[in-house]
C-alpha atoms as a PDB file:
ATOM      1  CA  UNK A   1     104.935  67.791 -62.905  1.00  0.00           C
ATOM      2  CA  UNK A   2     102.058  68.978 -60.738  1.00  0.00           C
ATOM      3  CA  UNK A   3     100.419  70.536 -63.802  1.00  0.00           C
ATOM      4  CA  UNK A   4     100.603  67.197 -65.651  1.00  0.00           C
ATOM      5  CA  UNK A   5      99.129  65.333 -62.676  1.00  0.00           C
ATOM      6  CA  UNK A   6      96.265  67.826 -62.419  1.00  0.00           C
ATOM      7  CA  UNK A   7      95.568  67.557 -66.168  1.00  0.00           C
ATOM      8  CA  UNK A   8      95.472  63.748 -66.006  1.00  0.00           C
ATOM      9  CA  UNK A   9      93.286  63.844 -62.886  1.00  0.00           C
ATOM     10  CA  UNK A  10      90.828  66.229 -64.569  1.00  0.00           C
ATOM     11  CA  UNK A  11      90.332  63.798 -67.486  1.00  0.00           C
ATOM     12  CA  UNK A  12      89.410  60.842 -65.272  1.00  0.00           C
ATOM     13  CA  UNK A  13      85.773  59.744 -65.019  1.00  0.00           C
ATOM     14  CA  UNK A  14      84.074  60.980 -61.839  1.00  0.00           C
ATOM     15  CA  UNK A  15      84.161  57.652 -59.917  1.00  0.00           C
ATOM     16  CA  UNK A  16      87.837  57.086 -60.736  1.00  0.00           C
ATOM     17  CA  UNK A  17      88.627  60.739 -59.967  1.00  0.00           C
ATOM     18  CA  UNK A  18      87.035  60.358 -56.522  1.00  0.00           C
ATOM     19  CA  UNK A  19      88.876  57.059 -55.928  1.00  0.00           C
ATOM     20  CA  UNK A  20      92.247  58.631 -56.790  1.00  0.00           C
ATOM     21  CA  UNK A  21      91.604  61.611 -54.522  1.00  0.00           C
ATOM     22  CA  UNK A  22      90.487  59.398 -51.639  1.00  0.00           C
ATOM     23  CA  UNK A  23      93.478  57.067 -51.994  1.00  0.00           C
ATOM     24  CA  UNK A  24      96.166  59.485 -53.120  1.00  0.00           C
ATOM     25  CA  UNK A  25      98.649  58.575 -50.377  1.00  0.00           C
ATOM     26  CA  UNK A  26      98.781  54.820 -51.087  1.00  0.00           C
ATOM     27  CA  UNK A  27      98.810  55.554 -54.834  1.00  0.00           C
ATOM     28  CA  UNK A  28     101.754  57.935 -54.441  1.00  0.00           C
ATOM     29  CA  UNK A  29     103.486  55.335 -52.257  1.00  0.00           C
ATOM     30  CA  UNK A  30     102.928  52.786 -55.042  1.00  0.00           C
ATOM     31  CA  UNK A  31     104.425  55.130 -57.672  1.00  0.00           C
ATOM     32  CA  UNK A  32     107.474  55.732 -55.462  1.00  0.00           C
ATOM     33  CA  UNK A  33     107.665  51.984 -54.877  1.00  0.00           C
ATOM     34  CA  UNK A  34     107.554  51.383 -58.626  1.00  0.00           C
ATOM     35  CA  UNK A  35     110.426  53.804 -59.160  1.00  0.00           C
ATOM     36  CA  UNK A  36     112.400  52.180 -56.332  1.00  0.00           C
ATOM     37  CA  UNK A  37     111.601  48.755 -57.836  1.00  0.00           C
ATOM     38  CA  UNK A  38     113.118  49.855 -61.157  1.00  0.00           C
ATOM     39  CA  UNK A  39     116.228  51.210 -59.413  1.00  0.00           C
ATOM     40  CA  UNK A  40     116.489  48.008 -57.357  1.00  0.00           C
ATOM     41  CA  UNK A  41     116.171  45.773 -60.443  1.00  0.00           C
ATOM     42  CA  UNK A  42     118.651  47.751 -62.509  1.00  0.00           C
ATOM     43  CA  UNK A  43     121.300  47.692 -59.793  1.00  0.00           C
ATOM     44  CA  UNK A  44     120.579  44.120 -58.665  1.00  0.00           C
ATOM     45  CA  UNK A  45     120.901  42.659 -62.147  1.00  0.00           C
ATOM     46  CA  UNK A  46     123.737  44.996 -63.085  1.00  0.00           C
ATOM     47  CA  UNK A  47     125.773  43.723 -60.127  1.00  0.00           C
ATOM     48  CA  UNK A  48     124.539  40.120 -60.133  1.00  0.00           C
ATOM     49  CA  UNK A  49     125.362  39.583 -63.782  1.00  0.00           C
ATOM     50  CA  UNK A  50     128.787  41.258 -63.582  1.00  0.00           C
ATOM     51  CA  UNK A  51     131.057  41.884 -60.600  1.00  0.00           C
ATOM     52  CA  UNK A  52     128.925  40.180 -57.931  1.00  0.00           C
ATOM     53  CA  UNK A  53     127.922  37.115 -59.938  1.00  0.00           C
ATOM     54  CA  UNK A  54     128.902  34.648 -57.186  1.00  0.00           C
ATOM     55  CA  UNK A  55     127.255  36.804 -54.486  1.00  0.00           C
ATOM     56  CA  UNK A  56     123.612  37.483 -55.424  1.00  0.00           C
ATOM     57  CA  UNK A  57     122.510  38.270 -51.863  1.00  0.00           C
ATOM     58  CA  UNK A  58     125.218  40.945 -51.589  1.00  0.00           C
ATOM     59  CA  UNK A  59     124.063  42.375 -54.931  1.00  0.00           C
ATOM     60  CA  UNK A  60     120.484  42.435 -53.631  1.00  0.00           C
ATOM     61  CA  UNK A  61     121.476  44.205 -50.416  1.00  0.00           C
ATOM     62  CA  UNK A  62     123.400  46.911 -52.309  1.00  0.00           C
ATOM     63  CA  UNK A  63     120.502  47.374 -54.734  1.00  0.00           C
ATOM     64  CA  UNK A  64     117.991  47.701 -51.901  1.00  0.00           C
ATOM     65  CA  UNK A  65     120.193  50.234 -50.080  1.00  0.00           C
ATOM     66  CA  UNK A  66     120.428  52.503 -53.135  1.00  0.00           C
ATOM     67  CA  UNK A  67     116.703  52.135 -53.852  1.00  0.00           C
ATOM     68  CA  UNK A  68     115.946  52.909 -50.187  1.00  0.00           C
ATOM     69  CA  UNK A  69     117.802  56.224 -50.317  1.00  0.00           C
ATOM     70  CA  UNK A  70     115.834  57.218 -53.413  1.00  0.00           C
ATOM     71  CA  UNK A  71     112.640  56.022 -51.745  1.00  0.00           C
ATOM     72  CA  UNK A  72     113.241  58.139 -48.633  1.00  0.00           C
ATOM     73  CA  UNK A  73     113.663  61.315 -50.650  1.00  0.00           C
ATOM     74  CA  UNK A  74     110.601  60.636 -52.831  1.00  0.00           C
ATOM     75  CA  UNK A  75     108.388  59.533 -49.936  1.00  0.00           C
ATOM     76  CA  UNK A  76     109.444  62.474 -47.755  1.00  0.00           C
ATOM     77  CA  UNK A  77     108.957  65.059 -50.475  1.00  0.00           C
ATOM     78  CA  UNK A  78     105.920  63.618 -52.253  1.00  0.00           C
ATOM     79  CA  UNK A  79     104.046  60.611 -50.815  1.00  0.00           C
ATOM     80  CA  UNK A  80     103.964  61.697 -47.169  1.00  0.00           C
ATOM     81  CA  UNK A  81     104.705  65.409 -47.468  1.00  0.00           C
ATOM     82  CA  UNK A  82     101.553  66.337 -45.538  1.00  0.00           C
ATOM     83  CA  UNK A  83     102.474  64.040 -42.649  1.00  0.00           C
ATOM     84  CA  UNK A  84     105.236  64.000 -40.142  1.00  0.00           C
ATOM     85  CA  UNK A  85     106.423  66.944 -38.173  1.00  0.00           C
ATOM     86  CA  UNK A  86     109.393  65.077 -36.740  1.00  0.00           C
ATOM     87  CA  UNK A  87     112.881  66.465 -36.791  1.00  0.00           C
ATOM     88  CA  UNK A  88     114.504  65.333 -40.065  1.00  0.00           C
ATOM     89  CA  UNK A  89     117.306  63.375 -38.370  1.00  0.00           C
ATOM     90  CA  UNK A  90     114.809  61.458 -36.224  1.00  0.00           C
ATOM     91  CA  UNK A  91     112.535  60.852 -39.198  1.00  0.00           C
ATOM     92  CA  UNK A  92     115.441  59.667 -41.372  1.00  0.00           C
ATOM     93  CA  UNK A  93     116.714  57.365 -38.613  1.00  0.00           C
ATOM     94  CA  UNK A  94     113.260  55.795 -38.253  1.00  0.00           C
ATOM     95  CA  UNK A  95     112.916  55.506 -42.037  1.00  0.00           C
ATOM     96  CA  UNK A  96     116.221  53.672 -42.354  1.00  0.00           C
ATOM     97  CA  UNK A  97     115.408  51.437 -39.370  1.00  0.00           C
ATOM     98  CA  UNK A  98     112.107  50.454 -40.995  1.00  0.00           C
ATOM     99  CA  UNK A  99     113.912  50.042 -44.315  1.00  0.00           C
ATOM    100  CA  UNK A 100     116.555  47.867 -42.641  1.00  0.00           C
ATOM    101  CA  UNK A 101     113.812  45.523 -41.517  1.00  0.00           C
ATOM    102  CA  UNK A 102     112.412  45.736 -45.054  1.00  0.00           C
ATOM    103  CA  UNK A 103     115.863  44.840 -46.402  1.00  0.00           C
ATOM    104  CA  UNK A 104     115.891  41.647 -44.335  1.00  0.00           C
ATOM    105  CA  UNK A 105     112.328  40.861 -45.428  1.00  0.00           C
ATOM    106  CA  UNK A 106     113.131  41.434 -49.106  1.00  0.00           C
ATOM    107  CA  UNK A 107     116.409  39.449 -49.031  1.00  0.00           C
ATOM    108  CA  UNK A 108     115.131  36.472 -47.026  1.00  0.00           C
ATOM    109  CA  UNK A 109     113.166  34.836 -49.881  1.00  0.00           C
ATOM    110  CA  UNK A 110     116.255  35.003 -52.141  1.00  0.00           C
ATOM    111  CA  UNK A 111     118.420  33.491 -49.418  1.00  0.00           C
ATOM    112  CA  UNK A 112     115.852  30.717 -48.867  1.00  0.00           C
ATOM    113  CA  UNK A 113     115.581  30.076 -52.612  1.00  0.00           C
ATOM    114  CA  UNK A 114     119.327  29.889 -53.133  1.00  0.00           C
ATOM    115  CA  UNK A 115     120.606  28.257 -49.962  1.00  0.00           C
ATOM    116  CA  UNK A 116     117.683  26.347 -48.424  1.00  0.00           C
ATOM    117  CA  UNK A 117     116.056  25.113 -51.650  1.00  0.00           C
ATOM    118  CA  UNK A 118     119.376  24.996 -53.591  1.00  0.00           C
ATOM    119  CA  UNK A 119     117.846  26.698 -56.632  1.00  0.00           C
ATOM    120  CA  UNK A 120     121.249  27.575 -58.059  1.00  0.00           C
ATOM    121  CA  UNK A 121     123.630  26.147 -60.608  1.00  0.00           C
ATOM    122  CA  UNK A 122     124.848  23.369 -60.797  1.00  0.00           C
ATOM    123  CA  UNK A 123     121.817  21.947 -58.929  1.00  0.00           C
ATOM    124  CA  UNK A 124     119.427  23.540 -61.464  1.00  0.00           C
ATOM    125  CA  UNK A 125     119.775  25.069 -64.907  1.00  0.00           C
ATOM    126  CA  UNK A 126     120.831  28.697 -65.282  1.00  0.00           C
ATOM    127  CA  UNK A 127     117.335  29.584 -66.557  1.00  0.00           C
ATOM    128  CA  UNK A 128     115.716  27.990 -63.480  1.00  0.00           C
ATOM    129  CA  UNK A 129     118.158  29.819 -61.206  1.00  0.00           C
ATOM    130  CA  UNK A 130     117.385  33.177 -62.825  1.00  0.00           C
ATOM    131  CA  UNK A 131     113.626  32.639 -62.673  1.00  0.00           C
ATOM    132  CA  UNK A 132     113.892  31.559 -59.023  1.00  0.00           C
ATOM    133  CA  UNK A 133     116.052  34.600 -58.220  1.00  0.00           C
ATOM    134  CA  UNK A 134     113.610  36.971 -59.898  1.00  0.00           C
ATOM    135  CA  UNK A 135     110.536  35.428 -58.280  1.00  0.00           C
ATOM    136  CA  UNK A 136     112.039  35.188 -54.802  1.00  0.00           C
ATOM    137  CA  UNK A 137     113.942  38.481 -54.658  1.00  0.00           C
ATOM    138  CA  UNK A 138     112.063  40.810 -56.957  1.00  0.00           C
ATOM    139  CA  UNK A 139     108.477  39.590 -56.557  1.00  0.00           C
ATOM    140  CA  UNK A 140     107.993  37.790 -53.227  1.00  0.00           C
ATOM    141  CA  UNK A 141     110.609  39.757 -51.286  1.00  0.00           C
ATOM    142  CA  UNK A 142     109.509  43.089 -52.690  1.00  0.00           C
ATOM    143  CA  UNK A 143     105.819  42.455 -51.951  1.00  0.00           C
ATOM    144  CA  UNK A 144     106.477  41.385 -48.363  1.00  0.00           C
ATOM    145  CA  UNK A 145     108.743  44.373 -47.731  1.00  0.00           C
ATOM    146  CA  UNK A 146     106.323  46.787 -49.451  1.00  0.00           C
ATOM    147  CA  UNK A 147     103.373  45.864 -47.256  1.00  0.00           C
ATOM    148  CA  UNK A 148     105.515  46.097 -44.132  1.00  0.00           C
ATOM    149  CA  UNK A 149     107.051  49.445 -45.156  1.00  0.00           C
ATOM    150  CA  UNK A 150     103.734  51.099 -46.005  1.00  0.00           C
ATOM    151  CA  UNK A 151     102.285  50.112 -42.650  1.00  0.00           C
ATOM    152  CA  UNK A 152     105.418  51.045 -40.665  1.00  0.00           C
ATOM    153  CA  UNK A 153     106.067  54.329 -42.475  1.00  0.00           C
ATOM    154  CA  UNK A 154     102.518  55.544 -41.848  1.00  0.00           C
ATOM    155  CA  UNK A 155     102.576  54.381 -38.233  1.00  0.00           C
ATOM    156  CA  UNK A 156     106.017  55.491 -37.053  1.00  0.00           C
ATOM    157  CA  UNK A 157     107.990  57.514 -39.594  1.00  0.00           C
ATOM    158  CA  UNK A 158     105.371  59.815 -41.103  1.00  0.00           C
ATOM    159  CA  UNK A 159     102.516  59.691 -38.572  1.00  0.00           C
ATOM    160  CA  UNK A 160      99.385  61.735 -39.116  1.00  0.00           C
ATOM    161  CA  UNK A 161      99.931  64.863 -37.033  1.00  0.00           C
ATOM    162  CA  UNK A 162      96.202  65.173 -36.434  1.00  0.00           C
ATOM    163  CA  UNK A 163      95.843  61.675 -34.972  1.00  0.00           C
ATOM    164  CA  UNK A 164      96.483  61.243 -31.240  1.00  0.00           C
ATOM    165  CA  UNK A 165      99.586  59.246 -30.386  1.00  0.00           C
ATOM    166  CA  UNK A 166      99.242  55.662 -29.271  1.00  0.00           C
ATOM    167  CA  UNK A 167      96.854  54.766 -32.069  1.00  0.00           C
ATOM    168  CA  UNK A 168      93.765  55.526 -29.937  1.00  0.00           C
ATOM    169  CA  UNK A 169      91.106  57.785 -31.323  1.00  0.00           C
ATOM    170  CA  UNK A 170      89.408  59.952 -28.734  1.00  0.00           C
ATOM    171  CA  UNK A 171      85.683  60.388 -28.947  1.00  0.00           C
ATOM    172  CA  UNK A 172      84.422  63.966 -28.740  1.00  0.00           C
ATOM    173  CA  UNK A 173      83.443  64.990 -25.227  1.00  0.00           C
ATOM    174  CA  UNK A 174      79.703  64.999 -24.667  1.00  0.00           C
ATOM    175  CA  UNK A 175      78.178  68.405 -24.175  1.00  0.00           C
ATOM    176  CA  UNK A 176      77.871  69.238 -20.508  1.00  0.00           C
ATOM    177  CA  UNK A 177      74.321  69.428 -19.183  1.00  0.00           C
ATOM    178  CA  UNK A 178      75.456  70.391 -15.709  1.00  0.00           C
ATOM    179  CA  UNK A 179      74.682  74.084 -15.249  1.00  0.00           C
ATOM    180  CA  UNK A 180      77.035  74.390 -12.284  1.00  0.00           C
ATOM    181  CA  UNK A 181      80.078  73.308 -14.288  1.00  0.00           C
END
């Protein structure tokens, strides 16, 4: 896999090559997010259209939980592998706490669409319901949760070991001109 990535990277034009290298972490996060999005969609629609048809929010929560487990493994081992330094149990607990907040953020638009706006049958057609479900759960909810997760994962779960804690950057100490010191 690494060999394929290096081969593709080598064929990119110089400006794009530099862009990819400078933004590799968010790009890797986006690839992991895309994979998690596919897992989420497959499970969400698999459950929603079969055994959990009357409970779309439950289907969404189960789908997000499975996608989150896959996301943790991929982010830990690929996207943020050069960050961290925390004990795995602590890191995993923080990841799942952040993901729990992301779960609420990704499910809220679906809940609002279905139960606040009543975009469900028999109030609307089945096609309208399905479009509303897709837009609210899979587009709006996913985008909101993605932005939150990227920020929170970098800040708390996989912090940059080289950066001082507290988010403050220390300026280098000025060279001493005092001969007595």
